[in-house]
Amino acid sequence: MSLVRLNIKGISYSQTQSGAYALVLSEEDGERTLPIIIGAFEAQSIAIALEKEIKPPRPLTHDLFKSFADRFNIIVKQVIIHKLVDGVFYSSLICECDKIEEIIDARTSDAIALATRFKAPIFTFENILDKAGIILKIKDESKLEESKFKMEDLVANVVEDTSTFKDETIEELYKQLDQAVNNEDYELAAKLRDEISKREQK
């Protein structure tokens, strides 16, 4: 079976599943596209890898995997979407270490998030593209463009934002921290704690 190379065409909001995203892959030498439903975290991770200017303050899971692999001279050579069962795509990472090649099973969303970081090509088999590929008509293309969002919107909450607290004094931050802990709002408490810690280190 022949392999077909795919490129990432874009990420859009899923029309069918609330809170999910559609990753749209397109064949390199053709008109067919392969839409894959992925979760918010994976969509965010792929978007961050595609947007070179955006760097999260701490490594995301896929960034950690990349650093780990680099440290031990493991290369992800390519990703192959090799199976489609009941609407679920199955993928493999083709990896190499010390000239030994290994095939590792992976969720397609994770595999593509890693492919973007390793600059590895993405492939699928012709029969999968025949079964699940869609040729976008002009009206569908414009719909995809409309449903796309700026990558910054998707990754906005990953990049550290302290503008919420910029007008607060450190004393006010301590008061808000006590209040957040009393109210059991631990997410806010963690943000306040980090802001206080950052200011005290200056």
N, C-alpha and C. Protein backbone atom coordinates (compact mmCIF):
# COMPACT_ATOMS: atom_id res chain seq x y z
N MET A 1 0.85 -1.20 0.00
CA MET A 1 0.00 0.00 0.00
C MET A 1 0.88 1.24 0.00
N SER A 2 0.52 2.19 -0.84
CA SER A 2 1.36 3.37 -0.96
C SER A 2 1.03 4.40 0.13
N LEU A 3 2.08 5.09 0.57
CA LEU A 3 1.93 6.14 1.57
C LEU A 3 1.70 7.48 0.90
N VAL A 4 0.89 8.30 1.54
CA VAL A 4 0.60 9.65 1.04
C VAL A 4 1.05 10.64 2.11
N ARG A 5 1.84 11.61 1.72
CA ARG A 5 2.31 12.61 2.69
C ARG A 5 1.21 13.64 2.96
N LEU A 6 1.08 14.01 4.23
CA LEU A 6 0.06 14.98 4.65
C LEU A 6 0.72 16.21 5.26
N ASN A 7 0.07 17.36 5.09
CA ASN A 7 0.50 18.59 5.75
C ASN A 7 -0.62 19.10 6.64
N ILE A 8 -0.27 19.86 7.65
CA ILE A 8 -1.31 20.44 8.52
C ILE A 8 -1.90 21.66 7.82
N LYS A 9 -3.19 21.56 7.52
CA LYS A 9 -3.87 22.66 6.83
C LYS A 9 -4.39 23.69 7.82
N GLY A 10 -4.81 23.24 8.99
CA GLY A 10 -5.30 24.17 10.00
C GLY A 10 -6.02 23.44 11.12
N ILE A 11 -6.38 24.22 12.13
CA ILE A 11 -7.16 23.71 13.26
C ILE A 11 -8.39 24.59 13.35
N SER A 12 -9.55 23.95 13.49
CA SER A 12 -10.78 24.73 13.63
C SER A 12 -11.62 24.15 14.75
N TYR A 13 -12.62 24.91 15.17
CA TYR A 13 -13.54 24.39 16.17
C TYR A 13 -14.33 23.24 15.58
N SER A 14 -14.53 22.19 16.35
CA SER A 14 -15.30 21.05 15.87
C SER A 14 -16.77 21.42 15.79
N GLN A 15 -17.38 21.08 14.66
CA GLN A 15 -18.81 21.35 14.47
C GLN A 15 -19.66 20.27 15.14
N THR A 16 -19.04 19.13 15.46
CA THR A 16 -19.83 17.99 15.95
C THR A 16 -19.67 17.75 17.44
N GLN A 17 -18.51 18.09 18.01
CA GLN A 17 -18.28 17.81 19.43
C GLN A 17 -17.94 19.09 20.18
N SER A 18 -18.70 19.37 21.19
CA SER A 18 -18.46 20.57 22.00
C SER A 18 -17.14 20.43 22.75
N GLY A 19 -16.34 21.49 22.73
CA GLY A 19 -15.06 21.48 23.45
C GLY A 19 -13.95 20.77 22.72
N ALA A 20 -14.24 20.26 21.52
CA ALA A 20 -13.22 19.56 20.73
C ALA A 20 -12.82 20.42 19.53
N TYR A 21 -11.77 20.00 18.87
CA TYR A 21 -11.26 20.73 17.71
C TYR A 21 -11.08 19.77 16.54
N ALA A 22 -11.10 20.32 15.36
CA ALA A 22 -10.85 19.52 14.15
C ALA A 22 -9.48 19.90 13.60
N LEU A 23 -8.59 18.93 13.59
CA LEU A 23 -7.29 19.13 12.96
C LEU A 23 -7.44 18.69 11.51
N VAL A 24 -7.18 19.58 10.59
CA VAL A 24 -7.38 19.28 9.17
C VAL A 24 -6.02 19.07 8.51
N LEU A 25 -5.81 17.85 8.02
CA LEU A 25 -4.59 17.51 7.29
C LEU A 25 -4.92 17.45 5.81
N SER A 26 -4.00 17.88 4.97
CA SER A 26 -4.26 17.81 3.52
C SER A 26 -3.14 17.06 2.83
N GLU A 27 -3.51 16.29 1.80
CA GLU A 27 -2.47 15.54 1.08
C GLU A 27 -1.59 16.52 0.32
N GLU A 28 -0.30 16.21 0.27
CA GLU A 28 0.66 17.14 -0.33
C GLU A 28 0.44 17.33 -1.82
N ASP A 29 0.17 16.25 -2.51
CA ASP A 29 -0.01 16.36 -3.97
C ASP A 29 -1.42 15.96 -4.37
N GLY A 30 -2.40 16.67 -3.87
CA GLY A 30 -3.78 16.35 -4.19
C GLY A 30 -4.74 17.29 -3.48
N GLU A 31 -6.02 16.99 -3.61
CA GLU A 31 -7.05 17.89 -3.08
C GLU A 31 -7.73 17.35 -1.83
N ARG A 32 -7.44 16.11 -1.46
CA ARG A 32 -8.17 15.52 -0.34
C ARG A 32 -7.64 16.03 1.01
N THR A 33 -8.55 16.13 1.96
CA THR A 33 -8.18 16.51 3.32
C THR A 33 -8.66 15.43 4.28
N LEU A 34 -7.99 15.36 5.42
CA LEU A 34 -8.32 14.36 6.43
C LEU A 34 -8.60 15.10 7.73
N PRO A 35 -9.90 15.28 8.08
CA PRO A 35 -10.21 15.96 9.35
C PRO A 35 -10.17 14.96 10.51
N ILE A 36 -9.49 15.33 11.59
CA ILE A 36 -9.35 14.46 12.76
C ILE A 36 -9.78 15.24 13.99
N ILE A 37 -10.72 14.70 14.75
CA ILE A 37 -11.19 15.36 15.97
C ILE A 37 -10.17 15.13 17.08
N ILE A 38 -9.74 16.23 17.70
CA ILE A 38 -8.75 16.14 18.79
C ILE A 38 -9.22 16.97 19.98
N GLY A 39 -8.62 16.72 21.12
CA GLY A 39 -8.97 17.45 22.34
C GLY A 39 -8.33 18.82 22.40
N ALA A 40 -8.76 19.61 23.37
CA ALA A 40 -8.28 20.99 23.51
C ALA A 40 -6.79 21.04 23.83
N PHE A 41 -6.33 20.15 24.73
CA PHE A 41 -4.91 20.17 25.11
C PHE A 41 -4.02 19.88 23.91
N GLU A 42 -4.40 18.87 23.12
CA GLU A 42 -3.60 18.49 21.95
C GLU A 42 -3.63 19.60 20.89
N ALA A 43 -4.81 20.21 20.71
CA ALA A 43 -4.93 21.32 19.76
C ALA A 43 -4.00 22.46 20.17
N GLN A 44 -4.00 22.75 21.46
CA GLN A 44 -3.15 23.80 22.01
C GLN A 44 -1.67 23.48 21.79
N SER A 45 -1.31 22.23 22.06
CA SER A 45 0.08 21.79 21.92
C SER A 45 0.56 21.90 20.47
N ILE A 46 -0.30 21.49 19.54
CA ILE A 46 0.05 21.58 18.11
C ILE A 46 0.18 23.04 17.70
N ALA A 47 -0.76 23.87 18.16
CA ALA A 47 -0.74 25.30 17.82
C ALA A 47 0.54 25.96 18.32
N ILE A 48 0.96 25.62 19.53
CA ILE A 48 2.18 26.21 20.10
C ILE A 48 3.40 25.83 19.26
N ALA A 49 3.44 24.57 18.81
CA ALA A 49 4.57 24.11 18.00
C ALA A 49 4.59 24.81 16.64
N LEU A 50 3.40 25.12 16.11
CA LEU A 50 3.32 25.79 14.81
C LEU A 50 3.65 27.27 14.90
N GLU A 51 3.29 27.87 16.03
CA GLU A 51 3.55 29.30 16.24
C GLU A 51 4.91 29.46 16.90
N LYS A 52 5.92 29.76 16.12
CA LYS A 52 7.29 29.78 16.62
C LYS A 52 7.52 30.86 17.69
N GLU A 53 6.76 31.97 17.60
CA GLU A 53 7.01 33.09 18.51
C GLU A 53 6.50 32.82 19.92
N ILE A 54 5.54 31.89 20.04
CA ILE A 54 4.91 31.66 21.34
C ILE A 54 5.66 30.56 22.09
N LYS A 55 6.16 30.93 23.26
CA LYS A 55 6.90 29.96 24.07
C LYS A 55 6.30 29.92 25.46
N PRO A 56 5.77 28.75 25.87
CA PRO A 56 5.19 28.66 27.22
C PRO A 56 6.28 28.81 28.28
N PRO A 57 5.91 29.33 29.45
CA PRO A 57 6.91 29.54 30.50
C PRO A 57 7.53 28.25 31.01
N ARG A 58 6.78 27.15 30.99
CA ARG A 58 7.29 25.84 31.40
C ARG A 58 6.99 24.84 30.29
N PRO A 59 7.80 23.79 30.16
CA PRO A 59 7.59 22.85 29.05
C PRO A 59 6.25 22.12 29.17
N LEU A 60 5.54 22.02 28.05
CA LEU A 60 4.34 21.18 27.99
C LEU A 60 4.80 19.72 27.87
N THR A 61 3.85 18.80 27.98
CA THR A 61 4.19 17.37 27.95
C THR A 61 4.94 17.00 26.67
N HIS A 62 4.49 17.51 25.52
CA HIS A 62 5.15 17.16 24.26
C HIS A 62 6.53 17.82 24.15
N ASP A 63 6.69 19.00 24.77
CA ASP A 63 8.02 19.64 24.80
C ASP A 63 8.97 18.81 25.66
N LEU A 64 8.45 18.30 26.77
CA LEU A 64 9.26 17.46 27.66
C LEU A 64 9.71 16.19 26.93
N PHE A 65 8.80 15.58 26.19
CA PHE A 65 9.14 14.38 25.41
C PHE A 65 10.25 14.71 24.41
N LYS A 66 10.15 15.86 23.76
CA LYS A 66 11.16 16.28 22.77
C LYS A 66 12.51 16.47 23.46
N SER A 67 12.54 17.15 24.60
CA SER A 67 13.80 17.37 25.32
C SER A 67 14.40 16.04 25.77
N PHE A 68 13.54 15.16 26.27
CA PHE A 68 13.97 13.83 26.72
C PHE A 68 14.60 13.06 25.55
N ALA A 69 13.90 13.07 24.41
CA ALA A 69 14.39 12.35 23.23
C ALA A 69 15.71 12.94 22.74
N ASP A 70 15.81 14.27 22.72
CA ASP A 70 17.05 14.92 22.27
C ASP A 70 18.22 14.53 23.17
N ARG A 71 17.95 14.49 24.48
CA ARG A 71 19.02 14.18 25.44
C ARG A 71 19.58 12.77 25.22
N PHE A 72 18.71 11.85 24.80
CA PHE A 72 19.15 10.47 24.61
C PHE A 72 19.30 10.09 23.12
N ASN A 73 19.41 11.14 22.28
CA ASN A 73 19.66 10.95 20.84
C ASN A 73 18.61 10.08 20.15
N ILE A 74 17.35 10.29 20.54
CA ILE A 74 16.24 9.58 19.89
C ILE A 74 15.61 10.55 18.89
N ILE A 75 15.42 10.09 17.68
CA ILE A 75 14.84 10.94 16.63
C ILE A 75 13.50 10.35 16.22
N VAL A 76 12.48 11.20 16.12
CA VAL A 76 11.21 10.78 15.51
C VAL A 76 11.35 11.07 14.02
N LYS A 77 11.46 10.01 13.22
CA LYS A 77 11.73 10.18 11.79
C LYS A 77 10.46 10.48 10.99
N GLN A 78 9.35 9.83 11.39
CA GLN A 78 8.09 10.08 10.70
C GLN A 78 6.93 9.56 11.52
N VAL A 79 5.76 10.03 11.15
CA VAL A 79 4.51 9.58 11.78
C VAL A 79 3.66 8.96 10.68
N ILE A 80 3.10 7.80 10.98
CA ILE A 80 2.21 7.15 10.00
C ILE A 80 0.86 6.90 10.64
N ILE A 81 -0.18 7.47 10.04
CA ILE A 81 -1.56 7.18 10.45
C ILE A 81 -1.93 5.90 9.69
N HIS A 82 -1.93 4.77 10.40
CA HIS A 82 -1.95 3.49 9.70
C HIS A 82 -3.27 2.73 9.75
N LYS A 83 -4.21 3.20 10.59
CA LYS A 83 -5.46 2.43 10.72
C LYS A 83 -6.61 3.36 11.07
N LEU A 84 -7.79 3.00 10.62
CA LEU A 84 -9.01 3.73 10.96
C LEU A 84 -10.07 2.70 11.33
N VAL A 85 -10.47 2.70 12.61
CA VAL A 85 -11.47 1.73 13.09
C VAL A 85 -12.56 2.49 13.85
N ASP A 86 -13.81 2.34 13.40
CA ASP A 86 -14.96 2.99 14.05
C ASP A 86 -14.73 4.48 14.26
N GLY A 87 -14.16 5.14 13.25
CA GLY A 87 -13.95 6.59 13.32
C GLY A 87 -12.73 7.02 14.13
N VAL A 88 -11.96 6.05 14.66
CA VAL A 88 -10.76 6.38 15.44
C VAL A 88 -9.52 6.08 14.60
N PHE A 89 -8.64 7.10 14.49
CA PHE A 89 -7.39 6.93 13.75
C PHE A 89 -6.31 6.38 14.68
N TYR A 90 -5.53 5.44 14.17
CA TYR A 90 -4.41 4.85 14.92
C TYR A 90 -3.11 5.26 14.23
N SER A 91 -2.12 5.65 15.04
CA SER A 91 -0.87 6.13 14.46
C SER A 91 0.34 5.47 15.10
N SER A 92 1.46 5.57 14.39
CA SER A 92 2.74 5.07 14.90
C SER A 92 3.81 6.13 14.72
N LEU A 93 4.71 6.17 15.72
CA LEU A 93 5.91 7.00 15.60
C LEU A 93 7.03 6.08 15.12
N ILE A 94 7.71 6.47 14.06
CA ILE A 94 8.87 5.72 13.61
C ILE A 94 10.09 6.45 14.19
N CYS A 95 10.74 5.81 15.15
CA CYS A 95 11.84 6.44 15.89
C CYS A 95 13.16 5.73 15.58
N GLU A 96 14.25 6.47 15.80
CA GLU A 96 15.56 5.87 15.60
C GLU A 96 16.50 6.30 16.71
N CYS A 97 17.27 5.35 17.22
CA CYS A 97 18.29 5.63 18.23
C CYS A 97 19.47 4.70 17.97
N ASP A 98 20.65 5.28 17.81
CA ASP A 98 21.86 4.49 17.52
C ASP A 98 21.65 3.56 16.31
N LYS A 99 21.01 4.13 15.29
CA LYS A 99 20.77 3.41 14.03
C LYS A 99 19.83 2.21 14.17
N ILE A 100 19.15 2.13 15.32
CA ILE A 100 18.14 1.07 15.51
C ILE A 100 16.77 1.73 15.41
N GLU A 101 15.92 1.21 14.53
CA GLU A 101 14.59 1.79 14.31
C GLU A 101 13.55 1.06 15.15
N GLU A 102 12.68 1.84 15.76
CA GLU A 102 11.59 1.29 16.57
C GLU A 102 10.28 1.91 16.12
N ILE A 103 9.20 1.12 16.23
CA ILE A 103 7.86 1.63 15.92
C ILE A 103 7.08 1.69 17.23
N ILE A 104 6.56 2.89 17.55
CA ILE A 104 5.85 3.09 18.81
C ILE A 104 4.42 3.52 18.53
N ASP A 105 3.48 2.82 19.15
CA ASP A 105 2.07 3.14 19.01
C ASP A 105 1.77 4.47 19.70
N ALA A 106 0.92 5.30 19.11
CA ALA A 106 0.60 6.61 19.70
C ALA A 106 -0.79 7.05 19.26
N ARG A 107 -1.42 7.87 20.11
CA ARG A 107 -2.65 8.53 19.67
C ARG A 107 -2.27 9.48 18.54
N THR A 108 -3.15 9.63 17.58
CA THR A 108 -2.83 10.47 16.42
C THR A 108 -2.56 11.91 16.82
N SER A 109 -3.33 12.43 17.76
CA SER A 109 -3.13 13.83 18.18
C SER A 109 -1.75 14.01 18.81
N ASP A 110 -1.32 13.04 19.64
CA ASP A 110 0.01 13.11 20.25
C ASP A 110 1.10 12.96 19.19
N ALA A 111 0.88 12.03 18.28
CA ALA A 111 1.87 11.78 17.23
C ALA A 111 2.10 13.04 16.40
N ILE A 112 1.03 13.75 16.08
CA ILE A 112 1.17 14.96 15.26
C ILE A 112 1.79 16.09 16.07
N ALA A 113 1.43 16.19 17.36
CA ALA A 113 2.06 17.20 18.23
C ALA A 113 3.57 16.98 18.28
N LEU A 114 4.00 15.71 18.30
CA LEU A 114 5.43 15.41 18.31
C LEU A 114 6.05 15.63 16.93
N ALA A 115 5.33 15.27 15.88
CA ALA A 115 5.85 15.46 14.51
C ALA A 115 6.16 16.95 14.27
N THR A 116 5.31 17.83 14.77
CA THR A 116 5.55 19.27 14.57
C THR A 116 6.83 19.70 15.28
N ARG A 117 7.13 19.10 16.43
CA ARG A 117 8.33 19.47 17.18
C ARG A 117 9.60 18.87 16.57
N PHE A 118 9.50 17.67 16.03
CA PHE A 118 10.67 17.03 15.43
C PHE A 118 10.81 17.38 13.94
N LYS A 119 9.84 18.17 13.43
CA LYS A 119 9.81 18.48 11.99
C LYS A 119 9.81 17.18 11.17
N ALA A 120 9.05 16.22 11.67
CA ALA A 120 8.96 14.91 11.02
C ALA A 120 7.77 14.90 10.05
N PRO A 121 7.91 14.24 8.91
CA PRO A 121 6.79 14.16 7.97
C PRO A 121 5.67 13.27 8.50
N ILE A 122 4.45 13.58 8.06
CA ILE A 122 3.26 12.81 8.45
C ILE A 122 2.72 12.10 7.21
N PHE A 123 2.45 10.80 7.36
CA PHE A 123 1.95 10.02 6.23
C PHE A 123 0.70 9.25 6.64
N THR A 124 -0.08 8.88 5.63
CA THR A 124 -1.15 7.91 5.82
C THR A 124 -1.19 7.02 4.59
N PHE A 125 -1.96 5.94 4.68
CA PHE A 125 -2.07 5.04 3.54
C PHE A 125 -3.18 5.50 2.60
N GLU A 126 -3.00 5.18 1.36
CA GLU A 126 -3.96 5.59 0.32
C GLU A 126 -5.37 5.11 0.65
N ASN A 127 -5.50 3.88 1.19
CA ASN A 127 -6.85 3.34 1.45
C ASN A 127 -7.55 4.11 2.58
N ILE A 128 -6.78 4.66 3.55
CA ILE A 128 -7.38 5.46 4.62
C ILE A 128 -7.88 6.78 4.05
N LEU A 129 -7.07 7.37 3.18
CA LEU A 129 -7.48 8.63 2.54
C LEU A 129 -8.69 8.41 1.64
N ASP A 130 -8.75 7.25 0.98
CA ASP A 130 -9.92 6.92 0.16
C ASP A 130 -11.17 6.81 1.01
N LYS A 131 -11.01 6.23 2.21
CA LYS A 131 -12.15 5.99 3.09
C LYS A 131 -12.60 7.25 3.83
N ALA A 132 -11.63 8.02 4.32
CA ALA A 132 -11.98 9.14 5.21
C ALA A 132 -11.65 10.52 4.65
N GLY A 133 -10.98 10.55 3.51
CA GLY A 133 -10.59 11.84 2.93
C GLY A 133 -11.78 12.59 2.37
N ILE A 134 -11.69 13.90 2.44
CA ILE A 134 -12.77 14.76 1.95
C ILE A 134 -12.14 15.78 1.00
N ILE A 135 -12.81 16.00 -0.12
CA ILE A 135 -12.36 17.08 -1.02
C ILE A 135 -13.14 18.33 -0.63
N LEU A 136 -12.43 19.34 -0.16
CA LEU A 136 -13.10 20.57 0.26
C LEU A 136 -13.50 21.37 -0.96
N LYS A 137 -14.80 21.68 -1.04
CA LYS A 137 -15.26 22.56 -2.11
C LYS A 137 -14.97 23.99 -1.70
N ILE A 138 -15.14 24.92 -2.63
CA ILE A 138 -14.81 26.32 -2.35
C ILE A 138 -15.58 26.83 -1.14
N LYS A 139 -16.88 26.48 -1.04
CA LYS A 139 -17.68 26.96 0.10
C LYS A 139 -17.19 26.33 1.41
N ASP A 140 -16.71 25.08 1.34
CA ASP A 140 -16.16 24.44 2.54
C ASP A 140 -14.85 25.08 2.96
N GLU A 141 -14.06 25.47 1.94
CA GLU A 141 -12.79 26.15 2.23
C GLU A 141 -13.05 27.44 2.99
N SER A 142 -14.08 28.20 2.52
CA SER A 142 -14.37 29.48 3.19
C SER A 142 -14.93 29.23 4.59
N LYS A 143 -15.69 28.13 4.74
CA LYS A 143 -16.21 27.77 6.08
C LYS A 143 -15.06 27.43 7.02
N LEU A 144 -14.07 26.70 6.50
CA LEU A 144 -12.91 26.34 7.31
C LEU A 144 -12.17 27.60 7.75
N GLU A 145 -12.01 28.53 6.80
CA GLU A 145 -11.32 29.78 7.14
C GLU A 145 -12.08 30.54 8.21
N GLU A 146 -13.43 30.55 8.09
CA GLU A 146 -14.25 31.27 9.08
C GLU A 146 -14.17 30.61 10.46
N SER A 147 -14.13 29.26 10.48
CA SER A 147 -14.14 28.57 11.77
C SER A 147 -12.75 28.49 12.39
N LYS A 148 -11.73 28.82 11.60
CA LYS A 148 -10.38 28.85 12.15
C LYS A 148 -10.29 30.02 13.12
N PHE A 149 -9.37 29.95 14.00
CA PHE A 149 -9.19 31.02 14.95
C PHE A 149 -7.72 31.36 14.92
N LYS A 150 -7.40 32.50 15.46
CA LYS A 150 -5.99 32.85 15.55
C LYS A 150 -5.34 31.91 16.54
N MET A 151 -4.15 31.44 16.20
CA MET A 151 -3.44 30.52 17.07
C MET A 151 -3.22 31.15 18.45
N GLU A 152 -3.06 32.50 18.47
CA GLU A 152 -2.83 33.16 19.76
C GLU A 152 -4.01 32.94 20.71
N ASP A 153 -5.24 32.87 20.13
CA ASP A 153 -6.42 32.67 20.98
C ASP A 153 -6.36 31.31 21.66
N LEU A 154 -5.88 30.31 20.93
CA LEU A 154 -5.83 28.95 21.45
C LEU A 154 -4.75 28.80 22.51
N VAL A 155 -3.67 29.55 22.37
CA VAL A 155 -2.55 29.37 23.30
C VAL A 155 -2.47 30.49 24.34
N ALA A 156 -3.44 31.39 24.33
CA ALA A 156 -3.37 32.56 25.20
C ALA A 156 -3.21 32.20 26.67
N ASN A 157 -3.92 31.16 27.12
CA ASN A 157 -3.87 30.85 28.56
C ASN A 157 -2.65 30.04 28.95
N VAL A 158 -1.79 29.68 27.97
CA VAL A 158 -0.56 28.98 28.31
C VAL A 158 0.55 29.98 28.61
N VAL A 159 0.54 31.08 27.85
CA VAL A 159 1.58 32.10 28.04
C VAL A 159 1.29 32.86 29.32
N GLU A 160 2.30 33.06 30.11
CA GLU A 160 2.13 33.67 31.42
C GLU A 160 1.57 35.06 31.28
N ASP A 161 0.52 35.34 32.01
CA ASP A 161 -0.12 36.65 31.95
C ASP A 161 -0.29 37.17 33.36
N THR A 162 0.48 38.19 33.69
CA THR A 162 0.39 38.74 35.04
C THR A 162 -0.29 40.11 35.02
N SER A 163 -0.87 40.46 33.86
CA SER A 163 -1.49 41.78 33.75
C SER A 163 -2.64 41.95 34.73
N THR A 164 -3.26 40.85 35.16
CA THR A 164 -4.37 40.91 36.11
C THR A 164 -3.92 41.55 37.42
N PHE A 165 -2.67 41.32 37.79
CA PHE A 165 -2.18 41.77 39.10
C PHE A 165 -1.25 42.98 39.02
N LYS A 166 -1.06 43.52 37.82
CA LYS A 166 0.00 44.54 37.68
C LYS A 166 -0.25 45.79 38.50
N ASP A 167 -1.52 46.13 38.78
CA ASP A 167 -1.82 47.35 39.54
C ASP A 167 -1.92 47.11 41.04
N GLU A 168 -1.75 45.84 41.46
CA GLU A 168 -1.88 45.51 42.89
C GLU A 168 -0.54 45.65 43.60
N THR A 169 -0.58 46.14 44.84
CA THR A 169 0.64 46.17 45.65
C THR A 169 0.85 44.76 46.21
N ILE A 170 2.05 44.50 46.72
CA ILE A 170 2.33 43.17 47.26
C ILE A 170 1.49 42.88 48.50
N GLU A 171 1.17 43.95 49.26
CA GLU A 171 0.31 43.78 50.45
C GLU A 171 -1.09 43.35 50.02
N GLU A 172 -1.60 43.98 48.95
CA GLU A 172 -2.93 43.62 48.44
C GLU A 172 -2.94 42.18 47.90
N LEU A 173 -1.82 41.79 47.30
CA LEU A 173 -1.73 40.42 46.78
C LEU A 173 -1.78 39.41 47.92
N TYR A 174 -1.10 39.73 49.04
CA TYR A 174 -1.13 38.83 50.21
C TYR A 174 -2.56 38.72 50.77
N LYS A 175 -3.28 39.84 50.80
CA LYS A 175 -4.68 39.82 51.29
C LYS A 175 -5.54 38.95 50.38
N GLN A 176 -5.36 39.13 49.05
CA GLN A 176 -6.14 38.34 48.09
C GLN A 176 -5.79 36.85 48.19
N LEU A 177 -4.51 36.57 48.49
CA LEU A 177 -4.08 35.18 48.64
C LEU A 177 -4.79 34.53 49.84
N ASP A 178 -4.82 35.25 50.97
CA ASP A 178 -5.52 34.73 52.16
C ASP A 178 -6.99 34.47 51.86
N GLN A 179 -7.59 35.44 51.14
CA GLN A 179 -9.01 35.33 50.80
C GLN A 179 -9.26 34.14 49.87
N ALA A 180 -8.38 33.96 48.88
CA ALA A 180 -8.53 32.86 47.92
C ALA A 180 -8.42 31.52 48.64
N VAL A 181 -7.48 31.42 49.60
CA VAL A 181 -7.31 30.17 50.35
C VAL A 181 -8.54 29.90 51.21
N ASN A 182 -9.05 30.96 51.87
CA ASN A 182 -10.27 30.82 52.68
C ASN A 182 -11.46 30.38 51.85
N ASN A 183 -11.52 30.87 50.62
CA ASN A 183 -12.63 30.51 49.72
C ASN A 183 -12.37 29.19 48.98
N GLU A 184 -11.22 28.58 49.27
CA GLU A 184 -10.81 27.32 48.61
C GLU A 184 -10.70 27.46 47.09
N ASP A 185 -10.35 28.69 46.65
CA ASP A 185 -10.11 28.94 45.23
C ASP A 185 -8.61 28.75 44.99
N TYR A 186 -8.20 27.49 44.86
CA TYR A 186 -6.78 27.17 44.85
C TYR A 186 -6.10 27.54 43.53
N GLU A 187 -6.88 27.61 42.47
CA GLU A 187 -6.29 28.02 41.19
C GLU A 187 -5.85 29.48 41.26
N LEU A 188 -6.74 30.34 41.80
CA LEU A 188 -6.39 31.76 41.97
C LEU A 188 -5.26 31.90 42.98
N ALA A 189 -5.31 31.12 44.05
CA ALA A 189 -4.27 31.18 45.08
C ALA A 189 -2.90 30.85 44.49
N ALA A 190 -2.86 29.87 43.60
CA ALA A 190 -1.58 29.48 42.98
C ALA A 190 -1.04 30.61 42.11
N LYS A 191 -1.94 31.28 41.38
CA LYS A 191 -1.51 32.40 40.53
C LYS A 191 -0.98 33.55 41.38
N LEU A 192 -1.69 33.84 42.48
CA LEU A 192 -1.26 34.91 43.38
C LEU A 192 0.09 34.56 44.03
N ARG A 193 0.20 33.32 44.45
CA ARG A 193 1.46 32.86 45.06
C ARG A 193 2.63 33.04 44.09
N ASP A 194 2.41 32.67 42.82
CA ASP A 194 3.47 32.79 41.82
C ASP A 194 3.84 34.24 41.56
N GLU A 195 2.83 35.11 41.54
CA GLU A 195 3.07 36.54 41.31
C GLU A 195 3.85 37.13 42.49
N ILE A 196 3.48 36.77 43.71
CA ILE A 196 4.19 37.26 44.90
C ILE A 196 5.63 36.78 44.88
N SER A 197 5.81 35.52 44.60
CA SER A 197 7.15 34.92 44.56
C SER A 197 8.02 35.62 43.52
N LYS A 198 7.44 35.92 42.36
CA LYS A 198 8.19 36.58 41.29
C LYS A 198 8.65 37.98 41.72
N ARG A 199 7.72 38.69 42.38
CA ARG A 199 8.07 40.07 42.80
C ARG A 199 9.12 40.06 43.91
N GLU A 200 9.03 39.10 44.81
CA GLU A 200 9.99 39.07 45.92
C GLU A 200 11.39 38.66 45.48
N GLN A 201 11.47 38.02 44.32
CA GLN A 201 12.80 37.63 43.80
C GLN A 201 13.50 38.77 43.09
N LYS A 202 12.72 39.83 42.74
CA LYS A 202 13.31 40.95 42.01
C LYS A 202 14.21 41.77 42.91
